[in-house]
Amino acid sequence: MILKKDISKLKIHFIGIGGIGISGLAKYLKAQGANISGSDITESNATRYLRSIGIPITIPHSKDAITDQELVIHSAIIKPENIEIQEAQKKGILILSRKEALEFILCNKRVFSVCGAHGKSTTSAMLSAIFPEFGAIIGADTKEYGSNVREIQSQSIVFEADESDRSFLNSNPYCAIVTNAEPEHMESYEHSLENFHAAYRQFLTSASKRCINAEDPFLNAFASESCRLFPSKDISNISYILKEDEPYTRFTLKDLGSFDVWGFGEHTAINASLAILAAKTELEIEQIRKNLTHFKGIKKRFDIIQKGQLTIIDDYAHHPTEIKATLESVKIYSNLKQKNKIIAIWQPHKYSRLLDNLEGFQECFKKNCDELIILPVWKAGESEVFLDMEKIFGHYRPIFAQKIKKDNEQIKLLYGDKTIKTIKEGIVIGLGAGDITYQLRGEK
């Protein structure tokens, strides 16, 4: 079988190569020595970058893109009727989804695999900063090296594992790091908490080493030997400072001394602590302390995109727990910057998530938010569901806008063609996993 060969020696074609998950695999495998090609339906920043490093890209999909490749890997949104899938089938080329391919890409690697409902991208990027000689595949661009992939040859890799489609079970963890096991994406687990916990248990037990947040109820009950972090007693002396106008959290971890890490909030200290403890058997603690300072945040996570009279921050938070933690961080930043007003612009992400966590969303804006603006739900392919948002969130007296527009250094709220409000000062925090990130940047 073709995959008995070293996958890094194959000719591989990626369908949907512009997506962050697929492009990450393509970049990583190219760095390992594979011969890569790809295709997508439209041009993007990702496809332009891939071309710049010598990967031929076909736009749009075409059967001519399938030549003598030995393996085809496709993103989850690619359907069986795709013209390239059909051509690969005719030629007898092995076809794998990204989820299926992970097992073979990582099977011979020493994988530090990070998962959890919240904080896994940040923790992965912190761990990547601590291990600069490791390869990395992360779910967001880290500002340290401007990409979601560290494109180097290495036997060891930091990998952000995805529990949303169970693909974390294919990540071959040497060290399993779990930030939390809060139920999310339950449709992938037949809406069964038992199935959800069984998958996490399988992930953890498959690893040689484990590092977990033991204050998570499920993880606390996990019996196998693990490096266990109890944030409330293991992390102390948390303080917040600005270095060259950038946010940093300072904290003490167990008996290991003080650490500085980019970002604000207790959750930042927790994520950093898990990364530190996972690395502790690999590096001297002083080297870890130094390398952690290379972490400069990741795109769309407390991403400060404008400073001045109006500060604009973009954050991917799209679950009540994440929103609450992000708003706490904004409040810290507001106090240090002596800016009085915090304006949250929220784009709900998916009707299913909104309905599954409705009570949490109704509560998570109560503190650290002076004004709430709500945009239409980003459907993410779901069918529209009628919700009386004015009634559900009426206790916040929110402003409902259809979109926002960045105009020079101001934010305009639009309803149809009409500007209903212009925001000129304070701190705007954009919250959501849809296209709000492009609206905040004036790119849409």
Protein backbone atom coordinates (compact mmCIF):
# COMPACT_ATOMS: atom_id res chain seq x y z
CA MET A 1 0.00 0.00 0.00
CA ILE A 2 1.23 3.50 -0.88
CA LEU A 3 1.13 4.72 2.73
CA LYS A 4 3.62 2.12 3.83
CA LYS A 5 6.06 4.52 2.20
CA ASP A 6 7.26 7.63 4.03
CA ILE A 7 4.50 10.15 3.30
CA SER A 8 7.07 12.94 3.10
CA LYS A 9 8.54 11.29 -0.04
CA LEU A 10 5.26 11.22 -1.98
CA LYS A 11 3.73 13.39 -4.69
CA ILE A 12 0.63 14.79 -2.96
CA HIS A 13 -2.24 16.93 -4.30
CA PHE A 14 -4.38 18.98 -1.91
CA ILE A 15 -7.94 19.89 -2.90
CA GLY A 16 -9.16 23.00 -1.07
CA ILE A 17 -5.57 24.04 -0.37
CA GLY A 18 -6.54 27.62 0.53
CA GLY A 19 -8.15 26.59 3.83
CA ILE A 20 -6.06 27.09 6.96
CA GLY A 21 -6.09 23.41 7.94
CA ILE A 22 -5.23 22.05 4.50
CA SER A 23 -2.68 24.76 3.69
CA GLY A 24 -1.00 24.01 7.00
CA LEU A 25 -0.53 20.35 6.10
CA ALA A 26 0.70 21.30 2.62
CA LYS A 27 3.31 23.72 3.98
CA TYR A 28 4.45 21.26 6.63
CA LEU A 29 4.80 18.31 4.23
CA LYS A 30 6.66 20.43 1.69
CA ALA A 31 9.16 21.30 4.43
CA GLN A 32 9.56 17.57 5.14
CA GLY A 33 10.42 16.94 1.47
CA ALA A 34 7.12 15.98 -0.18
CA ASN A 35 6.27 17.10 -3.74
CA ILE A 36 3.12 19.20 -3.31
CA SER A 37 0.46 20.57 -5.67
CA GLY A 38 -2.97 21.97 -4.91
CA SER A 39 -6.19 23.54 -6.08
CA ASP A 40 -9.01 25.69 -4.81
CA ILE A 41 -12.12 27.39 -6.09
CA THR A 42 -10.78 30.94 -5.68
CA GLU A 43 -7.50 32.76 -5.16
CA SER A 44 -6.60 33.80 -1.60
CA ASN A 45 -3.68 35.02 0.49
CA ALA A 46 -2.96 31.39 1.31
CA THR A 47 -2.79 30.27 -2.32
CA ARG A 48 -0.63 33.25 -3.25
CA TYR A 49 1.81 32.39 -0.46
CA LEU A 50 1.90 28.72 -1.45
CA ARG A 51 2.74 29.72 -5.02
CA SER A 52 5.54 31.94 -3.71
CA ILE A 53 7.24 28.91 -2.09
CA GLY A 54 7.03 26.88 -5.27
CA ILE A 55 3.76 24.96 -4.94
CA PRO A 56 1.76 24.89 -8.22
CA ILE A 57 -1.89 25.85 -7.62
CA THR A 58 -4.84 25.31 -9.97
CA ILE A 59 -7.70 27.82 -9.77
CA PRO A 60 -10.55 26.79 -10.05
CA HIS A 61 -10.74 23.02 -9.64
CA SER A 62 -9.89 21.11 -12.81
CA LYS A 63 -9.41 17.47 -13.71
CA ASP A 64 -6.15 18.54 -15.39
CA ALA A 65 -4.73 19.19 -11.90
CA ILE A 66 -4.68 15.43 -11.35
CA THR A 67 -1.66 13.99 -13.14
CA ASP A 68 0.74 11.46 -11.64
CA GLN A 69 0.23 12.19 -7.93
CA GLU A 70 0.41 9.26 -5.52
CA LEU A 71 -1.99 10.71 -2.92
CA VAL A 72 -4.86 13.21 -2.86
CA ILE A 73 -5.86 14.94 0.40
CA HIS A 74 -9.01 17.04 0.55
CA SER A 75 -10.69 19.39 3.01
CA ALA A 76 -13.92 18.45 4.76
CA ILE A 77 -16.07 20.67 2.52
CA ILE A 78 -15.02 18.90 -0.71
CA LYS A 79 -17.82 16.66 -1.99
CA PRO A 80 -17.51 13.28 -3.78
CA GLU A 81 -18.74 14.87 -7.01
CA ASN A 82 -15.76 17.24 -7.12
CA ILE A 83 -14.15 16.94 -10.57
CA GLU A 84 -10.68 16.29 -9.14
CA ILE A 85 -11.95 13.63 -6.74
CA GLN A 86 -13.60 11.87 -9.67
CA GLU A 87 -10.46 12.10 -11.81
CA ALA A 88 -8.30 10.73 -8.97
CA GLN A 89 -10.71 7.82 -8.60
CA LYS A 90 -10.46 7.06 -12.31
CA LYS A 91 -6.67 6.98 -12.07
CA GLY A 92 -6.70 4.79 -8.96
CA ILE A 93 -5.01 7.42 -6.78
CA LEU A 94 -5.50 7.03 -3.04
CA ILE A 95 -7.85 9.73 -1.67
CA LEU A 96 -7.92 10.78 1.99
CA SER A 97 -9.73 13.47 3.93
CA ARG A 98 -7.60 15.75 6.09
CA LYS A 99 -8.81 13.84 9.14
CA GLU A 100 -7.76 10.49 7.62
CA ALA A 101 -4.41 11.85 6.39
CA LEU A 102 -3.36 13.10 9.83
CA GLU A 103 -2.76 9.57 11.07
CA PHE A 104 -0.18 8.95 8.34
CA ILE A 105 1.41 12.40 8.44
CA LEU A 106 2.03 12.24 12.20
CA CYS A 107 2.54 8.51 12.72
CA ASN A 108 6.34 8.69 12.72
CA LYS A 109 6.58 12.02 14.54
CA ARG A 110 7.08 12.90 18.19
CA VAL A 111 3.87 14.91 18.61
CA PHE A 112 3.06 17.38 21.38
CA SER A 113 -0.69 17.37 20.73
CA VAL A 114 -2.81 20.14 22.26
CA CYS A 115 -6.60 20.02 22.44
CA GLY A 116 -9.53 21.41 24.43
CA ALA A 117 -12.67 23.47 23.92
CA HIS A 118 -10.87 26.74 24.67
CA GLY A 119 -7.28 27.91 24.59
CA LYS A 120 -5.75 25.24 22.38
CA SER A 121 -4.49 27.62 19.67
CA THR A 122 -2.89 29.94 22.22
CA THR A 123 -1.37 27.07 24.22
CA SER A 124 -0.03 25.49 21.00
CA ALA A 125 1.57 28.79 19.94
CA MET A 126 3.12 29.24 23.39
CA LEU A 127 4.53 25.72 23.26
CA SER A 128 5.86 26.39 19.77
CA ALA A 129 7.68 29.47 21.12
CA ILE A 130 9.21 27.34 23.88
CA PHE A 131 10.36 24.74 21.28
CA PRO A 132 11.77 26.82 18.39
CA GLU A 133 13.49 23.77 16.89
CA PHE A 134 10.20 21.83 16.59
CA GLY A 135 7.90 21.89 13.60
CA ALA A 136 4.42 23.24 14.32
CA ILE A 137 0.92 23.12 12.86
CA ILE A 138 -1.45 25.48 14.69
CA GLY A 139 -5.05 26.50 13.99
CA ALA A 140 -4.22 30.22 13.75
CA ASP A 141 -1.33 32.39 12.60
CA THR A 142 1.15 33.03 15.39
CA LYS A 143 2.72 36.49 15.27
CA GLU A 144 6.09 35.03 16.22
CA TYR A 145 6.65 33.69 12.70
CA GLY A 146 3.62 35.02 10.84
CA SER A 147 2.10 31.67 9.96
CA ASN A 148 0.14 28.75 11.34
CA VAL A 149 3.01 26.44 10.41
CA ARG A 150 6.68 26.36 11.32
CA GLU A 151 8.08 24.96 8.10
CA ILE A 152 11.17 23.11 9.26
CA GLN A 153 12.29 19.50 9.17
CA SER A 154 12.08 18.02 12.63
CA GLN A 155 11.21 14.72 14.23
CA SER A 156 9.23 16.61 16.90
CA ILE A 157 6.15 18.74 16.24
CA VAL A 158 3.69 20.90 18.18
CA PHE A 159 0.26 20.11 16.79
CA GLU A 160 -3.08 21.74 17.56
CA ALA A 161 -5.50 18.81 17.61
CA ASP A 162 -9.16 19.26 16.75
CA GLU A 163 -11.83 17.56 18.81
CA SER A 164 -14.67 19.05 16.74
CA ASP A 165 -14.53 16.20 14.18
CA ARG A 166 -12.71 13.64 16.35
CA SER A 167 -9.55 14.12 14.29
CA PHE A 168 -7.54 14.61 17.49
CA LEU A 169 -7.72 10.83 17.81
CA ASN A 170 -5.49 10.58 14.71
CA SER A 171 -2.79 12.93 16.03
CA ASN A 172 -0.50 10.23 17.48
CA PRO A 173 0.25 12.13 20.70
CA TYR A 174 3.57 11.56 22.42
CA CYS A 175 2.52 14.25 24.91
CA ALA A 176 -1.20 15.04 25.21
CA ILE A 177 -1.96 18.52 26.55
CA VAL A 178 -5.59 19.25 27.39
CA THR A 179 -6.66 22.76 28.38
CA ASN A 180 -10.21 21.69 29.33
CA ALA A 181 -12.83 19.19 28.25
CA GLU A 182 -15.91 21.38 28.14
CA PRO A 183 -18.56 19.82 25.87
CA GLU A 184 -18.55 21.40 22.39
CA HIS A 185 -19.32 20.14 18.87
CA MET A 186 -21.58 17.51 20.38
CA GLU A 187 -23.04 16.67 16.96
CA SER A 188 -19.78 14.79 16.30
CA TYR A 189 -20.48 12.62 19.36
CA GLU A 190 -24.13 11.80 18.67
CA HIS A 191 -24.97 14.39 21.37
CA SER A 192 -23.75 11.88 23.93
CA LEU A 193 -21.60 13.09 26.82
CA GLU A 194 -20.49 9.49 27.34
CA ASN A 195 -19.17 9.32 23.76
CA PHE A 196 -17.52 12.72 24.13
CA HIS A 197 -15.68 11.73 27.31
CA ALA A 198 -14.74 8.34 25.82
CA ALA A 199 -12.99 10.13 22.94
CA TYR A 200 -11.01 12.33 25.32
CA ARG A 201 -10.12 9.28 27.38
CA GLN A 202 -8.87 7.52 24.23
CA PHE A 203 -6.80 10.57 23.28
CA LEU A 204 -5.19 10.81 26.71
CA THR A 205 -4.47 7.11 27.18
CA SER A 206 -2.83 6.87 23.74
CA ALA A 207 -0.09 9.33 24.84
CA SER A 208 3.16 8.50 26.62
CA LYS A 209 2.92 11.76 28.60
CA ARG A 210 -0.07 13.85 29.65
CA CYS A 211 -0.43 17.40 30.91
CA ILE A 212 -3.92 18.44 31.99
CA ASN A 213 -5.89 21.20 33.67
CA ALA A 214 -7.00 19.16 36.66
CA GLU A 215 -9.63 21.68 37.73
CA ASP A 216 -11.75 20.62 34.78
CA PRO A 217 -14.24 18.13 36.32
CA PHE A 218 -13.73 15.38 33.73
CA LEU A 219 -9.96 15.76 33.60
CA ASN A 220 -9.76 15.79 37.39
CA ALA A 221 -11.40 12.36 37.44
CA PHE A 222 -9.01 10.98 34.81
CA ALA A 223 -7.09 8.25 36.63
CA SER A 224 -3.97 7.68 34.49
CA GLU A 225 -0.68 9.24 35.55
CA SER A 226 -0.50 12.84 34.34
CA CYS A 227 1.21 16.13 35.02
CA ARG A 228 -1.71 17.88 36.70
CA LEU A 229 -2.14 21.65 36.91
CA PHE A 230 -4.41 23.02 39.63
CA PRO A 231 -4.58 26.71 38.61
CA SER A 232 -6.15 27.98 41.83
CA LYS A 233 -3.27 26.71 43.97
CA ASP A 234 -0.38 26.25 41.48
CA ILE A 235 -0.55 29.74 39.93
CA SER A 236 -0.06 32.79 42.14
CA ASN A 237 1.01 36.44 42.16
CA ILE A 238 -0.76 37.26 38.90
CA SER A 239 -0.23 40.84 37.75
CA TYR A 240 -0.62 42.72 34.49
CA ILE A 241 1.82 45.09 32.83
CA LEU A 242 2.38 46.91 29.56
CA LYS A 243 5.71 46.44 27.78
CA GLU A 244 6.12 48.87 24.87
CA ASP A 245 2.34 49.28 25.01
CA GLU A 246 1.81 45.52 24.61
CA PRO A 247 -0.12 43.42 27.19
CA TYR A 248 1.72 40.96 29.45
CA THR A 249 0.69 38.72 32.32
CA ARG A 250 3.25 38.04 35.07
CA PHE A 251 2.69 35.03 37.35
CA THR A 252 4.40 32.51 39.59
CA LEU A 253 4.03 28.80 38.77
CA LYS A 254 4.46 26.31 41.61
CA ASP A 255 8.10 26.51 42.80
CA LEU A 256 9.43 27.34 39.32
CA GLY A 257 9.55 31.10 39.78
CA SER A 258 8.03 34.00 37.85
CA PHE A 259 7.14 34.05 34.14
CA ASP A 260 6.08 36.81 31.74
CA VAL A 261 3.81 35.95 28.81
CA TRP A 262 2.10 38.07 26.16
CA GLY A 263 -1.61 38.63 26.81
CA PHE A 264 -3.88 39.41 29.73
CA GLY A 265 -5.97 37.30 32.05
CA GLU A 266 -5.96 34.28 34.31
CA HIS A 267 -6.68 32.09 31.27
CA THR A 268 -3.43 33.36 29.73
CA ALA A 269 -1.50 32.27 32.82
CA ILE A 270 -3.24 28.87 32.74
CA ASN A 271 -2.45 28.29 29.05
CA ALA A 272 1.19 29.30 29.59
CA SER A 273 1.46 27.07 32.67
CA LEU A 274 0.30 24.02 30.73
CA ALA A 275 2.87 24.76 28.02
CA ILE A 276 5.62 25.22 30.62
CA LEU A 277 4.79 21.98 32.45
CA ALA A 278 4.60 20.03 29.18
CA ALA A 279 8.09 21.30 28.26
CA LYS A 280 9.67 20.89 31.70
CA THR A 281 11.11 17.42 31.03
CA GLU A 282 12.58 18.58 27.71
CA LEU A 283 14.32 21.86 28.59
CA GLU A 284 15.88 23.61 31.57
CA ILE A 285 13.40 25.94 33.25
CA GLU A 286 15.51 29.04 32.54
CA GLN A 287 15.49 28.24 28.83
CA ILE A 288 11.70 27.79 28.96
CA ARG A 289 11.34 31.13 30.75
CA LYS A 290 13.42 32.86 28.06
CA ASN A 291 11.79 31.13 25.07
CA LEU A 292 8.26 31.88 26.31
CA THR A 293 8.95 35.60 25.81
CA HIS A 294 9.16 34.94 22.04
CA PHE A 295 5.38 34.38 22.03
CA LYS A 296 3.74 37.57 20.74
CA GLY A 297 0.14 36.44 20.47
CA ILE A 298 -1.81 34.94 17.60
CA LYS A 299 -4.01 36.47 14.98
CA LYS A 300 -7.63 36.98 16.05
CA ARG A 301 -6.89 36.27 19.73
CA PHE A 302 -6.86 39.61 21.59
CA ASP A 303 -5.44 40.96 18.34
CA ILE A 304 -4.89 44.71 18.81
CA ILE A 305 -5.36 46.02 15.27
CA GLN A 306 -5.61 49.75 16.07
CA LYS A 307 -4.31 51.93 18.88
CA GLY A 308 -5.17 55.54 19.56
CA GLN A 309 -8.30 57.47 20.51
CA LEU A 310 -10.23 54.41 19.35
CA THR A 311 -8.57 51.09 20.15
CA ILE A 312 -9.83 48.13 18.12
CA ILE A 313 -9.27 44.55 19.27
CA ASP A 314 -10.26 41.47 17.26
CA ASP A 315 -10.95 38.22 19.09
CA TYR A 316 -12.12 34.82 17.86
CA ALA A 317 -14.19 34.19 21.02
CA HIS A 318 -17.47 32.59 19.98
CA HIS A 319 -18.48 30.59 23.08
CA PRO A 320 -19.73 32.15 26.35
CA THR A 321 -16.70 30.95 28.33
CA GLU A 322 -14.34 32.50 25.78
CA ILE A 323 -16.29 35.76 25.57
CA LYS A 324 -16.32 36.16 29.35
CA ALA A 325 -12.55 35.58 29.56
CA THR A 326 -11.85 37.97 26.68
CA LEU A 327 -13.96 40.74 28.22
CA GLU A 328 -12.07 40.31 31.50
CA SER A 329 -8.83 40.82 29.56
CA VAL A 330 -10.23 43.92 27.85
CA LYS A 331 -11.16 45.36 31.24
CA ILE A 332 -7.59 44.91 32.46
CA TYR A 333 -6.29 46.62 29.31
CA SER A 334 -8.85 49.41 29.72
CA ASN A 335 -7.73 50.08 33.30
CA LEU A 336 -4.04 50.18 32.37
CA LYS A 337 -4.70 52.42 29.37
CA GLN A 338 -7.16 54.57 31.35
CA LYS A 339 -9.81 54.23 28.67
CA ASN A 340 -13.27 54.28 30.19
CA LYS A 341 -15.66 52.76 27.66
CA ILE A 342 -15.68 49.15 26.40
CA ILE A 343 -17.90 48.47 23.38
CA ALA A 344 -18.43 44.81 22.44
CA ILE A 345 -19.44 44.00 18.86
CA TRP A 346 -20.65 40.40 18.77
CA GLN A 347 -21.32 38.31 15.69
CA PRO A 348 -22.99 35.10 16.95
CA HIS A 349 -21.47 32.04 15.25
CA LYS A 350 -23.89 29.29 14.17
CA TYR A 351 -27.49 28.90 15.28
CA SER A 352 -26.70 25.51 16.84
CA ARG A 353 -24.06 27.01 19.13
CA LEU A 354 -26.33 29.91 20.05
CA LEU A 355 -29.18 27.57 20.96
CA ASP A 356 -26.97 25.06 22.81
CA ASN A 357 -25.44 27.82 24.97
CA LEU A 358 -28.23 30.38 25.08
CA GLU A 359 -28.20 30.89 28.84
CA GLY A 360 -24.44 31.34 28.81
CA PHE A 361 -24.66 33.97 26.05
CA GLN A 362 -27.36 35.80 27.99
CA GLU A 363 -25.00 36.05 30.98
CA CYS A 364 -21.48 36.45 29.53
CA PHE A 365 -21.76 40.16 28.66
CA LYS A 366 -22.94 41.23 32.14
CA LYS A 367 -19.53 42.38 33.37
CA ASN A 368 -16.78 44.37 31.68
CA CYS A 369 -18.93 45.60 28.81
CA ASP A 370 -20.44 49.11 28.68
CA GLU A 371 -22.24 48.74 25.38
CA LEU A 372 -23.23 45.71 23.27
CA ILE A 373 -23.72 45.70 19.51
CA ILE A 374 -25.13 42.53 17.95
CA LEU A 375 -24.64 41.58 14.30
CA PRO A 376 -26.64 38.94 12.40
CA VAL A 377 -25.81 35.30 13.14
CA TRP A 378 -22.99 33.94 10.99
CA LYS A 379 -24.71 30.80 9.70
CA ALA A 380 -21.58 28.84 8.72
CA GLY A 381 -23.66 26.73 6.35
CA GLU A 382 -26.55 26.09 8.74
CA SER A 383 -30.18 26.74 7.93
CA GLU A 384 -31.62 29.94 9.37
CA VAL A 385 -33.53 29.66 12.65
CA PHE A 386 -35.85 32.42 13.82
CA LEU A 387 -34.82 33.81 17.20
CA ASP A 388 -36.28 36.91 18.80
CA MET A 389 -32.86 38.41 19.54
CA GLU A 390 -34.34 41.71 20.77
CA LYS A 391 -36.30 39.85 23.41
CA ILE A 392 -33.58 37.32 24.30
CA PHE A 393 -30.89 39.98 24.77
CA GLY A 394 -33.13 42.92 25.63
CA HIS A 395 -31.71 43.18 29.16
CA TYR A 396 -28.49 44.57 27.62
CA ARG A 397 -30.33 47.21 25.58
CA PRO A 398 -28.09 46.32 22.63
CA ILE A 399 -27.80 48.04 19.27
CA PHE A 400 -28.61 45.73 16.36
CA ALA A 401 -26.63 46.44 13.21
CA GLN A 402 -26.47 44.54 9.93
CA LYS A 403 -22.75 45.16 9.48
CA ILE A 404 -19.90 47.39 10.55
CA LYS A 405 -17.51 49.40 8.44
CA LYS A 406 -14.07 50.70 9.35
CA ASP A 407 -13.82 54.28 8.09
CA ASN A 408 -10.32 55.66 8.62
CA GLU A 409 -9.88 55.26 12.41
CA GLN A 410 -13.61 55.07 13.22
CA ILE A 411 -16.18 52.28 13.20
CA LYS A 412 -19.56 52.88 11.56
CA LEU A 413 -22.59 50.76 12.40
CA LEU A 414 -24.77 50.16 9.34
CA TYR A 415 -28.36 49.07 8.94
CA GLY A 416 -28.96 48.75 5.22
CA ASP A 417 -27.29 51.78 3.66
CA LYS A 418 -27.87 53.93 6.72
CA THR A 419 -25.19 54.70 9.31
CA ILE A 420 -26.93 54.36 12.66
CA LYS A 421 -23.91 55.20 14.81
CA THR A 422 -20.23 56.14 14.51
CA ILE A 423 -17.78 55.02 17.21
CA LYS A 424 -14.86 57.42 17.58
CA GLU A 425 -13.30 56.63 20.95
CA GLY A 426 -12.95 54.01 23.66
CA ILE A 427 -12.15 50.32 23.16
CA VAL A 428 -14.02 48.25 20.58
CA ILE A 429 -13.72 44.48 21.02
CA GLY A 430 -14.98 42.38 18.12
CA LEU A 431 -16.14 38.88 19.11
CA GLY A 432 -16.85 36.02 16.74
CA ALA A 433 -15.53 33.36 14.35
CA GLY A 434 -17.26 34.64 11.20
CA ASP A 435 -16.40 37.51 8.87
CA ILE A 436 -16.39 40.11 11.66
CA THR A 437 -12.57 39.96 11.56
CA TYR A 438 -12.63 41.34 7.99
CA GLN A 439 -15.27 43.96 8.80
CA LEU A 440 -13.15 45.25 11.70
CA ARG A 441 -10.16 45.57 9.38
CA GLY A 442 -12.08 47.32 6.61
CA GLU A 443 -11.50 44.36 4.28
CA LYS A 444 -15.19 43.60 3.74
